[in-house]
Amino acid sequence: LYDISSVLGVSIDILTGNSTSSLKTMIAVDGGGSKTEFLLFDEE
């Protein structure tokens, strides 16, 4: 999807039909010896 979006000059959100949101998303990870936590969150 990254390569396709670059060739077509559009965002991945548009390719996946999620163009209604312009908010940035991010992934945060906290890892330890027993568990690893992953969060997907946006700028709000």
PDB file of all heavy atoms in Angstrom:
ATOM      1  N   LEU A   1       0.824  -1.208   0.000  1.00  0.00           N
ATOM      2  CA  LEU A   1       0.000   0.000   0.000  1.00  0.00           C
ATOM      3  C   LEU A   1       0.861   1.262   0.000  1.00  0.00           C
ATOM      4  O   LEU A   1       0.500   2.274  -0.600  1.00  0.00           O
ATOM      5  CB  LEU A   1      -0.924   0.011   1.225  1.00  0.00           C
ATOM      6  CG  LEU A   1      -2.099  -0.984   1.187  1.00  0.00           C
ATOM      7  CD1 LEU A   1      -2.826  -0.962   2.512  1.00  0.00           C
ATOM      8  CD2 LEU A   1      -3.055  -0.676   0.053  1.00  0.00           C
ATOM      9  N   TYR A   2       1.994   1.208   0.693  1.00  0.00           N
ATOM     10  CA  TYR A   2       2.873   2.375   0.721  1.00  0.00           C
ATOM     11  C   TYR A   2       3.368   2.722  -0.682  1.00  0.00           C
ATOM     12  O   TYR A   2       3.369   3.883  -1.098  1.00  0.00           O
ATOM     13  CB  TYR A   2       4.075   2.117   1.635  1.00  0.00           C
ATOM     14  CG  TYR A   2       3.709   1.809   3.053  1.00  0.00           C
ATOM     15  CD1 TYR A   2       3.940   0.542   3.586  1.00  0.00           C
ATOM     16  CD2 TYR A   2       3.121   2.772   3.868  1.00  0.00           C
ATOM     17  CE1 TYR A   2       3.593   0.249   4.898  1.00  0.00           C
ATOM     18  CE2 TYR A   2       2.780   2.488   5.182  1.00  0.00           C
ATOM     19  CZ  TYR A   2       3.013   1.230   5.691  1.00  0.00           C
ATOM     20  OH  TYR A   2       2.678   0.934   6.983  1.00  0.00           O
ATOM     21  N   ASP A   3       3.789   1.681  -1.430  1.00  0.00           N
ATOM     22  CA  ASP A   3       4.309   1.912  -2.772  1.00  0.00           C
ATOM     23  C   ASP A   3       3.202   2.366  -3.728  1.00  0.00           C
ATOM     24  O   ASP A   3       3.402   3.250  -4.565  1.00  0.00           O
ATOM     25  CB  ASP A   3       4.970   0.636  -3.306  1.00  0.00           C
ATOM     26  CG  ASP A   3       6.176   0.233  -2.483  1.00  0.00           C
ATOM     27  OD1 ASP A   3       6.859   1.148  -1.985  1.00  0.00           O
ATOM     28  OD2 ASP A   3       6.422  -0.970  -2.334  1.00  0.00           O
ATOM     29  N   ILE A   4       2.007   1.773  -3.597  1.00  0.00           N
ATOM     30  CA  ILE A   4       0.887   2.140  -4.459  1.00  0.00           C
ATOM     31  C   ILE A   4       0.485   3.590  -4.230  1.00  0.00           C
ATOM     32  O   ILE A   4       0.234   4.346  -5.178  1.00  0.00           O
ATOM     33  CB  ILE A   4      -0.317   1.203  -4.218  1.00  0.00           C
ATOM     34  CG1 ILE A   4       0.041  -0.225  -4.640  1.00  0.00           C
ATOM     35  CG2 ILE A   4      -1.548   1.695  -4.985  1.00  0.00           C
ATOM     36  CD1 ILE A   4      -1.000  -1.245  -4.255  1.00  0.00           C
ATOM     37  N   SER A   5       0.449   4.003  -2.952  1.00  0.00           N
ATOM     38  CA  SER A   5       0.053   5.383  -2.646  1.00  0.00           C
ATOM     39  C   SER A   5       1.056   6.376  -3.212  1.00  0.00           C
ATOM     40  O   SER A   5       0.682   7.452  -3.680  1.00  0.00           O
ATOM     41  CB  SER A   5      -0.081   5.581  -1.126  1.00  0.00           C
ATOM     42  OG  SER A   5       1.169   5.444  -0.491  1.00  0.00           O
ATOM     43  N   SER A   6       2.346   5.988  -3.217  1.00  0.00           N
ATOM     44  CA  SER A   6       3.369   6.880  -3.761  1.00  0.00           C
ATOM     45  C   SER A   6       3.227   7.018  -5.270  1.00  0.00           C
ATOM     46  O   SER A   6       3.325   8.124  -5.826  1.00  0.00           O
ATOM     47  CB  SER A   6       4.765   6.339  -3.426  1.00  0.00           C
ATOM     48  OG  SER A   6       4.967   6.324  -2.037  1.00  0.00           O
ATOM     49  N   VAL A   7       2.974   5.920  -5.960  1.00  0.00           N
ATOM     50  CA  VAL A   7       2.845   5.946  -7.423  1.00  0.00           C
ATOM     51  C   VAL A   7       1.628   6.759  -7.854  1.00  0.00           C
ATOM     52  O   VAL A   7       1.678   7.567  -8.796  1.00  0.00           O
ATOM     53  CB  VAL A   7       2.745   4.509  -7.981  1.00  0.00           C
ATOM     54  CG1 VAL A   7       2.381   4.537  -9.468  1.00  0.00           C
ATOM     55  CG2 VAL A   7       4.064   3.777  -7.777  1.00  0.00           C
ATOM     56  N   LEU A   8       0.506   6.581  -7.132  1.00  0.00           N
ATOM     57  CA  LEU A   8      -0.735   7.266  -7.498  1.00  0.00           C
ATOM     58  C   LEU A   8      -0.803   8.683  -6.944  1.00  0.00           C
ATOM     59  O   LEU A   8      -1.662   9.471  -7.353  1.00  0.00           O
ATOM     60  CB  LEU A   8      -1.941   6.469  -6.984  1.00  0.00           C
ATOM     61  CG  LEU A   8      -2.114   5.068  -7.584  1.00  0.00           C
ATOM     62  CD1 LEU A   8      -3.334   4.385  -6.978  1.00  0.00           C
ATOM     63  CD2 LEU A   8      -2.261   5.138  -9.103  1.00  0.00           C
ATOM     64  N   GLY A   9       0.081   8.997  -5.995  1.00  0.00           N
ATOM     65  CA  GLY A   9       0.080  10.350  -5.429  1.00  0.00           C
ATOM     66  C   GLY A   9      -1.094  10.624  -4.523  1.00  0.00           C
ATOM     67  O   GLY A   9      -1.566  11.762  -4.421  1.00  0.00           O
ATOM     68  N   VAL A  10      -1.599   9.589  -3.859  1.00  0.00           N
ATOM     69  CA  VAL A  10      -2.715   9.751  -2.915  1.00  0.00           C
ATOM     70  C   VAL A  10      -2.319   9.119  -1.589  1.00  0.00           C
ATOM     71  O   VAL A  10      -1.387   8.327  -1.513  1.00  0.00           O
ATOM     72  CB  VAL A  10      -4.013   9.095  -3.450  1.00  0.00           C
ATOM     73  CG1 VAL A  10      -4.445   9.751  -4.745  1.00  0.00           C
ATOM     74  CG2 VAL A  10      -3.834   7.593  -3.638  1.00  0.00           C
ATOM     75  N   SER A  11      -3.064   9.477  -0.544  1.00  0.00           N
ATOM     76  CA  SER A  11      -2.761   8.909   0.766  1.00  0.00           C
ATOM     77  C   SER A  11      -3.295   7.485   0.873  1.00  0.00           C
ATOM     78  O   SER A  11      -4.190   7.075   0.133  1.00  0.00           O
ATOM     79  CB  SER A  11      -3.388   9.764   1.873  1.00  0.00           C
ATOM     80  OG  SER A  11      -4.792   9.605   1.876  1.00  0.00           O
ATOM     81  N   ILE A  12      -2.747   6.749   1.829  1.00  0.00           N
ATOM     82  CA  ILE A  12      -3.235   5.386   2.063  1.00  0.00           C
ATOM     83  C   ILE A  12      -4.661   5.412   2.579  1.00  0.00           C
ATOM     84  O   ILE A  12      -5.459   4.504   2.313  1.00  0.00           O
ATOM     85  CB  ILE A  12      -2.301   4.652   3.050  1.00  0.00           C
ATOM     86  CG1 ILE A  12      -0.950   4.405   2.374  1.00  0.00           C
ATOM     87  CG2 ILE A  12      -2.889   3.330   3.486  1.00  0.00           C
ATOM     88  CD1 ILE A  12       0.059   3.687   3.245  1.00  0.00           C
ATOM     89  N   ASP A  13      -5.014   6.475   3.317  1.00  0.00           N
ATOM     90  CA  ASP A  13      -6.396   6.587   3.795  1.00  0.00           C
ATOM     91  C   ASP A  13      -7.379   6.575   2.632  1.00  0.00           C
ATOM     92  O   ASP A  13      -8.451   5.961   2.711  1.00  0.00           O
ATOM     93  CB  ASP A  13      -6.571   7.874   4.615  1.00  0.00           C
ATOM     94  CG  ASP A  13      -5.951   7.751   5.997  1.00  0.00           C
ATOM     95  OD1 ASP A  13      -5.792   6.602   6.442  1.00  0.00           O
ATOM     96  OD2 ASP A  13      -5.629   8.776   6.596  1.00  0.00           O
ATOM     97  N   ILE A  14      -7.038   7.254   1.540  1.00  0.00           N
ATOM     98  CA  ILE A  14      -7.925   7.280   0.380  1.00  0.00           C
ATOM     99  C   ILE A  14      -7.993   5.903  -0.255  1.00  0.00           C
ATOM    100  O   ILE A  14      -9.066   5.413  -0.636  1.00  0.00           O
ATOM    101  CB  ILE A  14      -7.450   8.339  -0.647  1.00  0.00           C
ATOM    102  CG1 ILE A  14      -7.644   9.742  -0.062  1.00  0.00           C
ATOM    103  CG2 ILE A  14      -8.181   8.197  -1.978  1.00  0.00           C
ATOM    104  CD1 ILE A  14      -7.122  10.847  -0.954  1.00  0.00           C
ATOM    105  N   LEU A  15      -6.838   5.231  -0.369  1.00  0.00           N
ATOM    106  CA  LEU A  15      -6.816   3.888  -0.950  1.00  0.00           C
ATOM    107  C   LEU A  15      -7.687   2.915  -0.162  1.00  0.00           C
ATOM    108  O   LEU A  15      -8.309   2.018  -0.732  1.00  0.00           O
ATOM    109  CB  LEU A  15      -5.384   3.350  -0.983  1.00  0.00           C
ATOM    110  CG  LEU A  15      -4.437   3.933  -2.026  1.00  0.00           C
ATOM    111  CD1 LEU A  15      -3.052   3.332  -1.839  1.00  0.00           C
ATOM    112  CD2 LEU A  15      -4.944   3.673  -3.430  1.00  0.00           C
ATOM    113  N   THR A  16      -7.722   3.088   1.152  1.00  0.00           N
ATOM    114  CA  THR A  16      -8.465   2.161   2.005  1.00  0.00           C
ATOM    115  C   THR A  16      -9.872   2.644   2.330  1.00  0.00           C
ATOM    116  O   THR A  16     -10.559   2.059   3.154  1.00  0.00           O
ATOM    117  CB  THR A  16      -7.699   1.923   3.315  1.00  0.00           C
ATOM    118  OG1 THR A  16      -7.465   3.173   3.963  1.00  0.00           O
ATOM    119  CG2 THR A  16      -6.366   1.232   3.044  1.00  0.00           C
ATOM    120  N   GLY A  17     -10.272   3.752   1.696  1.00  0.00           N
ATOM    121  CA  GLY A  17     -11.626   4.259   1.919  1.00  0.00           C
ATOM    122  C   GLY A  17     -11.810   4.942   3.243  1.00  0.00           C
ATOM    123  O   GLY A  17     -12.916   4.996   3.788  1.00  0.00           O
ATOM    124  N   ASN A  18     -10.741   5.479   3.804  1.00  0.00           N
ATOM    125  CA  ASN A  18     -10.824   6.144   5.105  1.00  0.00           C
ATOM    126  C   ASN A  18     -10.436   7.612   4.985  1.00  0.00           C
ATOM    127  O   ASN A  18      -9.779   8.171   5.845  1.00  0.00           O
ATOM    128  CB  ASN A  18      -9.897   5.424   6.105  1.00  0.00           C
ATOM    129  CG  ASN A  18     -10.098   5.892   7.526  1.00  0.00           C
ATOM    130  OD1 ASN A  18     -11.207   6.221   7.925  1.00  0.00           O
ATOM    131  ND2 ASN A  18      -9.017   5.896   8.297  1.00  0.00           N
ATOM    132  N   SER A  19     -10.882   8.230   3.896  1.00  0.00           N
ATOM    133  CA  SER A  19     -10.443   9.594   3.615  1.00  0.00           C
ATOM    134  C   SER A  19     -11.200  10.659   4.393  1.00  0.00           C
ATOM    135  O   SER A  19     -10.900  11.828   4.313  1.00  0.00           O
ATOM    136  CB  SER A  19     -10.612   9.880   2.110  1.00  0.00           C
ATOM    137  OG  SER A  19     -11.970   9.735   1.734  1.00  0.00           O
ATOM    138  N   THR A  20     -12.186  10.249   5.185  1.00  0.00           N
ATOM    139  CA  THR A  20     -12.984  11.227   5.926  1.00  0.00           C
ATOM    140  C   THR A  20     -12.222  11.786   7.123  1.00  0.00           C
ATOM    141  O   THR A  20     -12.574  12.817   7.659  1.00  0.00           O
ATOM    142  CB  THR A  20     -14.289  10.582   6.430  1.00  0.00           C
ATOM    143  OG1 THR A  20     -13.958   9.444   7.225  1.00  0.00           O
ATOM    144  CG2 THR A  20     -15.144  10.134   5.252  1.00  0.00           C
ATOM    145  N   SER A  21     -11.159  11.090   7.535  1.00  0.00           N
ATOM    146  CA  SER A  21     -10.417  11.548   8.703  1.00  0.00           C
ATOM    147  C   SER A  21      -9.056  12.066   8.293  1.00  0.00           C
ATOM    148  O   SER A  21      -8.331  11.411   7.565  1.00  0.00           O
ATOM    149  CB  SER A  21     -10.260  10.403   9.710  1.00  0.00           C
ATOM    150  OG  SER A  21      -9.441  10.801  10.772  1.00  0.00           O
ATOM    151  N   SER A  22      -8.730  13.247   8.773  1.00  0.00           N
ATOM    152  CA  SER A  22      -7.421  13.811   8.471  1.00  0.00           C
ATOM    153  C   SER A  22      -6.528  13.813   9.705  1.00  0.00           C
ATOM    154  O   SER A  22      -5.444  14.388   9.685  1.00  0.00           O
ATOM    155  CB  SER A  22      -7.569  15.250   7.959  1.00  0.00           C
ATOM    156  OG  SER A  22      -8.204  16.050   8.941  1.00  0.00           O
ATOM    157  N   LEU A  23      -6.986  13.181  10.779  1.00  0.00           N
ATOM    158  CA  LEU A  23      -6.210  13.151  12.013  1.00  0.00           C
ATOM    159  C   LEU A  23      -5.018  12.202  11.877  1.00  0.00           C
ATOM    160  O   LEU A  23      -5.133  11.115  11.329  1.00  0.00           O
ATOM    161  CB  LEU A  23      -7.078  12.690  13.183  1.00  0.00           C
ATOM    162  CG  LEU A  23      -8.195  13.634  13.627  1.00  0.00           C
ATOM    163  CD1 LEU A  23      -9.023  12.982  14.721  1.00  0.00           C
ATOM    164  CD2 LEU A  23      -7.623  14.962  14.100  1.00  0.00           C
ATOM    165  N   LYS A  24      -3.898  12.625  12.400  1.00  0.00           N
ATOM    166  CA  LYS A  24      -2.723  11.765  12.396  1.00  0.00           C
ATOM    167  C   LYS A  24      -2.902  10.641  13.409  1.00  0.00           C
ATOM    168  O   LYS A  24      -3.426  10.841  14.497  1.00  0.00           O
ATOM    169  CB  LYS A  24      -1.479  12.575  12.763  1.00  0.00           C
ATOM    170  CG  LYS A  24      -1.049  13.591  11.724  1.00  0.00           C
ATOM    171  CD  LYS A  24       0.204  14.337  12.198  1.00  0.00           C
ATOM    172  CE  LYS A  24       0.661  15.345  11.167  1.00  0.00           C
ATOM    173  NZ  LYS A  24       1.870  16.097  11.614  1.00  0.00           N
ATOM    174  N   THR A  25      -2.464   9.449  13.044  1.00  0.00           N
ATOM    175  CA  THR A  25      -2.453   8.324  13.973  1.00  0.00           C
ATOM    176  C   THR A  25      -1.012   7.936  14.256  1.00  0.00           C
ATOM    177  O   THR A  25      -0.108   8.170  13.447  1.00  0.00           O
ATOM    178  CB  THR A  25      -3.220   7.110  13.424  1.00  0.00           C
ATOM    179  OG1 THR A  25      -2.616   6.686  12.197  1.00  0.00           O
ATOM    180  CG2 THR A  25      -4.681   7.449  13.193  1.00  0.00           C
ATOM    181  N   MET A  26      -0.811   7.330  15.410  1.00  0.00           N
ATOM    182  CA  MET A  26       0.518   6.926  15.853  1.00  0.00           C
ATOM    183  C   MET A  26       0.429   5.618  16.616  1.00  0.00           C
ATOM    184  O   MET A  26      -0.641   5.232  17.081  1.00  0.00           O
ATOM    185  CB  MET A  26       1.115   8.015  16.763  1.00  0.00           C
ATOM    186  CG  MET A  26       1.455   9.316  16.067  1.00  0.00           C
ATOM    187  SD  MET A  26       1.452  10.762  17.185  1.00  0.00           S
ATOM    188  CE  MET A  26      -0.300  11.152  17.262  1.00  0.00           C
ATOM    189  N   ILE A  27       1.566   4.928  16.726  1.00  0.00           N
ATOM    190  CA  ILE A  27       1.638   3.672  17.471  1.00  0.00           C
ATOM    191  C   ILE A  27       2.671   3.816  18.582  1.00  0.00           C
ATOM    192  O   ILE A  27       3.808   4.233  18.343  1.00  0.00           O
ATOM    193  CB  ILE A  27       2.012   2.493  16.554  1.00  0.00           C
ATOM    194  CG1 ILE A  27       0.875   2.210  15.562  1.00  0.00           C
ATOM    195  CG2 ILE A  27       2.317   1.242  17.372  1.00  0.00           C
ATOM    196  CD1 ILE A  27       1.198   1.138  14.540  1.00  0.00           C
ATOM    197  N   ALA A  28       2.245   3.484  19.801  1.00  0.00           N
ATOM    198  CA  ALA A  28       3.134   3.531  20.965  1.00  0.00           C
ATOM    199  C   ALA A  28       3.262   2.126  21.540  1.00  0.00           C
ATOM    200  O   ALA A  28       2.273   1.394  21.627  1.00  0.00           O
ATOM    201  CB  ALA A  28       2.578   4.481  22.027  1.00  0.00           C
ATOM    202  N   VAL A  29       4.480   1.756  21.917  1.00  0.00           N
ATOM    203  CA  VAL A  29       4.736   0.418  22.440  1.00  0.00           C
ATOM    204  C   VAL A  29       5.520   0.511  23.738  1.00  0.00           C
ATOM    205  O   VAL A  29       6.489   1.262  23.833  1.00  0.00           O
ATOM    206  CB  VAL A  29       5.533  -0.439  21.425  1.00  0.00           C
ATOM    207  CG1 VAL A  29       5.721  -1.859  21.957  1.00  0.00           C
ATOM    208  CG2 VAL A  29       4.851  -0.448  20.060  1.00  0.00           C
ATOM    209  N   ASP A  30       5.072  -0.254  24.733  1.00  0.00           N
ATOM    210  CA  ASP A  30       5.808  -0.371  25.996  1.00  0.00           C
ATOM    211  C   ASP A  30       6.076  -1.845  26.231  1.00  0.00           C
ATOM    212  O   ASP A  30       5.151  -2.639  26.405  1.00  0.00           O
ATOM    213  CB  ASP A  30       5.000   0.213  27.154  1.00  0.00           C
ATOM    214  CG  ASP A  30       5.747   0.111  28.471  1.00  0.00           C
ATOM    215  OD1 ASP A  30       6.765   0.798  28.619  1.00  0.00           O
ATOM    216  OD2 ASP A  30       5.324  -0.685  29.338  1.00  0.00           O
ATOM    217  N   GLY A  31       7.358  -2.220  26.203  1.00  0.00           N
ATOM    218  CA  GLY A  31       7.709  -3.629  26.313  1.00  0.00           C
ATOM    219  C   GLY A  31       8.487  -3.951  27.567  1.00  0.00           C
ATOM    220  O   GLY A  31       9.318  -3.164  28.021  1.00  0.00           O
ATOM    221  N   GLY A  32       8.228  -5.121  28.136  1.00  0.00           N
ATOM    222  CA  GLY A  32       8.925  -5.561  29.335  1.00  0.00           C
ATOM    223  C   GLY A  32       9.301  -7.021  29.251  1.00  0.00           C
ATOM    224  O   GLY A  32       9.235  -7.644  28.184  1.00  0.00           O
ATOM    225  N   GLY A  33       9.661  -7.597  30.390  1.00  0.00           N
ATOM    226  CA  GLY A  33      10.063  -8.993  30.410  1.00  0.00           C
ATOM    227  C   GLY A  33       8.906  -9.961  30.331  1.00  0.00           C
ATOM    228  O   GLY A  33       9.074 -11.106  29.899  1.00  0.00           O
ATOM    229  N   SER A  34       7.698  -9.517  30.733  1.00  0.00           N
ATOM    230  CA  SER A  34       6.549 -10.421  30.768  1.00  0.00           C
ATOM    231  C   SER A  34       5.453 -10.067  29.765  1.00  0.00           C
ATOM    232  O   SER A  34       4.695 -10.935  29.345  1.00  0.00           O
ATOM    233  CB  SER A  34       5.929 -10.429  32.172  1.00  0.00           C
ATOM    234  OG  SER A  34       6.877 -10.837  33.133  1.00  0.00           O
ATOM    235  N   LYS A  35       5.340  -8.784  29.401  1.00  0.00           N
ATOM    236  CA  LYS A  35       4.294  -8.405  28.455  1.00  0.00           C
ATOM    237  C   LYS A  35       4.725  -7.190  27.643  1.00  0.00           C
ATOM    238  O   LYS A  35       5.599  -6.435  28.048  1.00  0.00           O
ATOM    239  CB  LYS A  35       2.976  -8.112  29.174  1.00  0.00           C
ATOM    240  CG  LYS A  35       2.971  -6.870  30.034  1.00  0.00           C
ATOM    241  CD  LYS A  35       1.598  -6.652  30.652  1.00  0.00           C
ATOM    242  CE  LYS A  35       1.588  -5.453  31.600  1.00  0.00           C
ATOM    243  NZ  LYS A  35       1.757  -4.172  30.912  1.00  0.00           N
ATOM    244  N   THR A  36       4.078  -7.052  26.486  1.00  0.00           N
ATOM    245  CA  THR A  36       4.317  -5.907  25.607  1.00  0.00           C
ATOM    246  C   THR A  36       2.967  -5.308  25.250  1.00  0.00           C
ATOM    247  O   THR A  36       2.050  -6.026  24.837  1.00  0.00           O
ATOM    248  CB  THR A  36       5.045  -6.329  24.323  1.00  0.00           C
ATOM    249  OG1 THR A  36       6.226  -7.057  24.678  1.00  0.00           O
ATOM    250  CG2 THR A  36       5.433  -5.122  23.483  1.00  0.00           C
ATOM    251  N   GLU A  37       2.845  -4.000  25.428  1.00  0.00           N
ATOM    252  CA  GLU A  37       1.582  -3.309  25.167  1.00  0.00           C
ATOM    253  C   GLU A  37       1.724  -2.412  23.940  1.00  0.00           C
ATOM    254  O   GLU A  37       2.681  -1.663  23.810  1.00  0.00           O
ATOM    255  CB  GLU A  37       1.185  -2.477  26.385  1.00  0.00           C
ATOM    256  CG  GLU A  37      -0.161  -1.787  26.242  1.00  0.00           C
ATOM    257  CD  GLU A  37      -0.622  -1.127  27.531  1.00  0.00           C
ATOM    258  OE1 GLU A  37       0.144  -1.135  28.519  1.00  0.00           O
ATOM    259  OE2 GLU A  37      -1.754  -0.602  27.546  1.00  0.00           O
ATOM    260  N   PHE A  38       0.753  -2.520  23.045  1.00  0.00           N
ATOM    261  CA  PHE A  38       0.724  -1.739  21.816  1.00  0.00           C
ATOM    262  C   PHE A  38      -0.539  -0.872  21.813  1.00  0.00           C
ATOM    263  O   PHE A  38      -1.639  -1.385  22.046  1.00  0.00           O
ATOM    264  CB  PHE A  38       0.670  -2.647  20.579  1.00  0.00           C
ATOM    265  CG  PHE A  38       1.813  -3.614  20.459  1.00  0.00           C
ATOM    266  CD1 PHE A  38       1.853  -4.782  21.222  1.00  0.00           C
ATOM    267  CD2 PHE A  38       2.848  -3.375  19.570  1.00  0.00           C
ATOM    268  CE1 PHE A  38       2.902  -5.684  21.095  1.00  0.00           C
ATOM    269  CE2 PHE A  38       3.902  -4.273  19.429  1.00  0.00           C
ATOM    270  CZ  PHE A  38       3.927  -5.427  20.201  1.00  0.00           C
ATOM    271  N   LEU A  39      -0.380   0.426  21.534  1.00  0.00           N
ATOM    272  CA  LEU A  39      -1.524   1.327  21.435  1.00  0.00           C
ATOM    273  C   LEU A  39      -1.524   2.022  20.084  1.00  0.00           C
ATOM    274  O   LEU A  39      -0.489   2.520  19.629  1.00  0.00           O
ATOM    275  CB  LEU A  39      -1.495   2.404  22.516  1.00  0.00           C
ATOM    276  CG  LEU A  39      -1.751   2.039  23.971  1.00  0.00           C
ATOM    277  CD1 LEU A  39      -1.872   3.307  24.813  1.00  0.00           C
ATOM    278  CD2 LEU A  39      -2.992   1.193  24.128  1.00  0.00           C
ATOM    279  N   LEU A  40      -2.688   2.071  19.461  1.00  0.00           N
ATOM    280  CA  LEU A  40      -2.911   2.904  18.287  1.00  0.00           C
ATOM    281  C   LEU A  40      -3.749   4.084  18.752  1.00  0.00           C
ATOM    282  O   LEU A  40      -4.818   3.904  19.337  1.00  0.00           O
ATOM    283  CB  LEU A  40      -3.675   2.121  17.204  1.00  0.00           C
ATOM    284  CG  LEU A  40      -4.107   2.909  15.965  1.00  0.00           C
ATOM    285  CD1 LEU A  40      -2.892   3.348  15.155  1.00  0.00           C
ATOM    286  CD2 LEU A  40      -5.043   2.068  15.097  1.00  0.00           C
ATOM    287  N   PHE A  41      -3.258   5.306  18.529  1.00  0.00           N
ATOM    288  CA  PHE A  41      -3.971   6.487  19.017  1.00  0.00           C
ATOM    289  C   PHE A  41      -3.846   7.605  17.998  1.00  0.00           C
ATOM    290  O   PHE A  41      -3.002   7.552  17.084  1.00  0.00           O
ATOM    291  CB  PHE A  41      -3.417   6.928  20.373  1.00  0.00           C
ATOM    292  CG  PHE A  41      -1.991   7.412  20.343  1.00  0.00           C
ATOM    293  CD1 PHE A  41      -1.688   8.764  20.423  1.00  0.00           C
ATOM    294  CD2 PHE A  41      -0.930   6.515  20.234  1.00  0.00           C
ATOM    295  CE1 PHE A  41      -0.375   9.215  20.396  1.00  0.00           C
ATOM    296  CE2 PHE A  41       0.388   6.956  20.205  1.00  0.00           C
ATOM    297  CZ  PHE A  41       0.662   8.312  20.290  1.00  0.00           C
ATOM    298  N   ASP A  42      -4.717   8.622  18.141  1.00  0.00           N
ATOM    299  CA  ASP A  42      -4.638   9.741  17.216  1.00  0.00           C
ATOM    300  C   ASP A  42      -4.233  11.016  17.959  1.00  0.00           C
ATOM    301  O   ASP A  42      -4.082  11.024  19.178  1.00  0.00           O
ATOM    302  CB  ASP A  42      -5.955   9.933  16.439  1.00  0.00           C
ATOM    303  CG  ASP A  42      -7.135  10.334  17.317  1.00  0.00           C
ATOM    304  OD1 ASP A  42      -6.922  10.925  18.405  1.00  0.00           O
ATOM    305  OD2 ASP A  42      -8.289  10.084  16.922  1.00  0.00           O
ATOM    306  N   GLU A  43      -4.056  12.084  17.210  1.00  0.00           N
ATOM    307  CA  GLU A  43      -3.548  13.322  17.792  1.00  0.00           C
ATOM    308  C   GLU A  43      -4.529  13.993  18.741  1.00  0.00           C
ATOM    309  O   GLU A  43      -4.144  14.911  19.481  1.00  0.00           O
ATOM    310  CB  GLU A  43      -3.127  14.292  16.690  1.00  0.00           C
ATOM    311  CG  GLU A  43      -4.239  14.681  15.737  1.00  0.00           C
ATOM    312  CD  GLU A  43      -3.699  15.526  14.594  1.00  0.00           C
ATOM    313  OE1 GLU A  43      -3.050  16.551  14.860  1.00  0.00           O
ATOM    314  OE2 GLU A  43      -3.934  15.167  13.427  1.00  0.00           O
ATOM    315  N   GLU A  44      -5.776  13.545  18.752  1.00  0.00           N
ATOM    316  CA  GLU A  44      -6.748  14.046  19.728  1.00  0.00           C
ATOM    317  C   GLU A  44      -6.671  13.270  21.049  1.00  0.00           C
ATOM    318  O   GLU A  44      -7.388  13.580  21.990  1.00  0.00           O
ATOM    319  CB  GLU A  44      -8.167  13.937  19.156  1.00  0.00           C
ATOM    320  CG  GLU A  44      -8.425  14.853  17.959  1.00  0.00           C
ATOM    321  CD  GLU A  44      -8.455  16.310  18.374  1.00  0.00           C
ATOM    322  OE1 GLU A  44      -9.065  16.625  19.404  1.00  0.00           O
ATOM    323  OE2 GLU A  44      -7.854  17.140  17.670  1.00  0.00           O
TER     324      GLU A  44
END
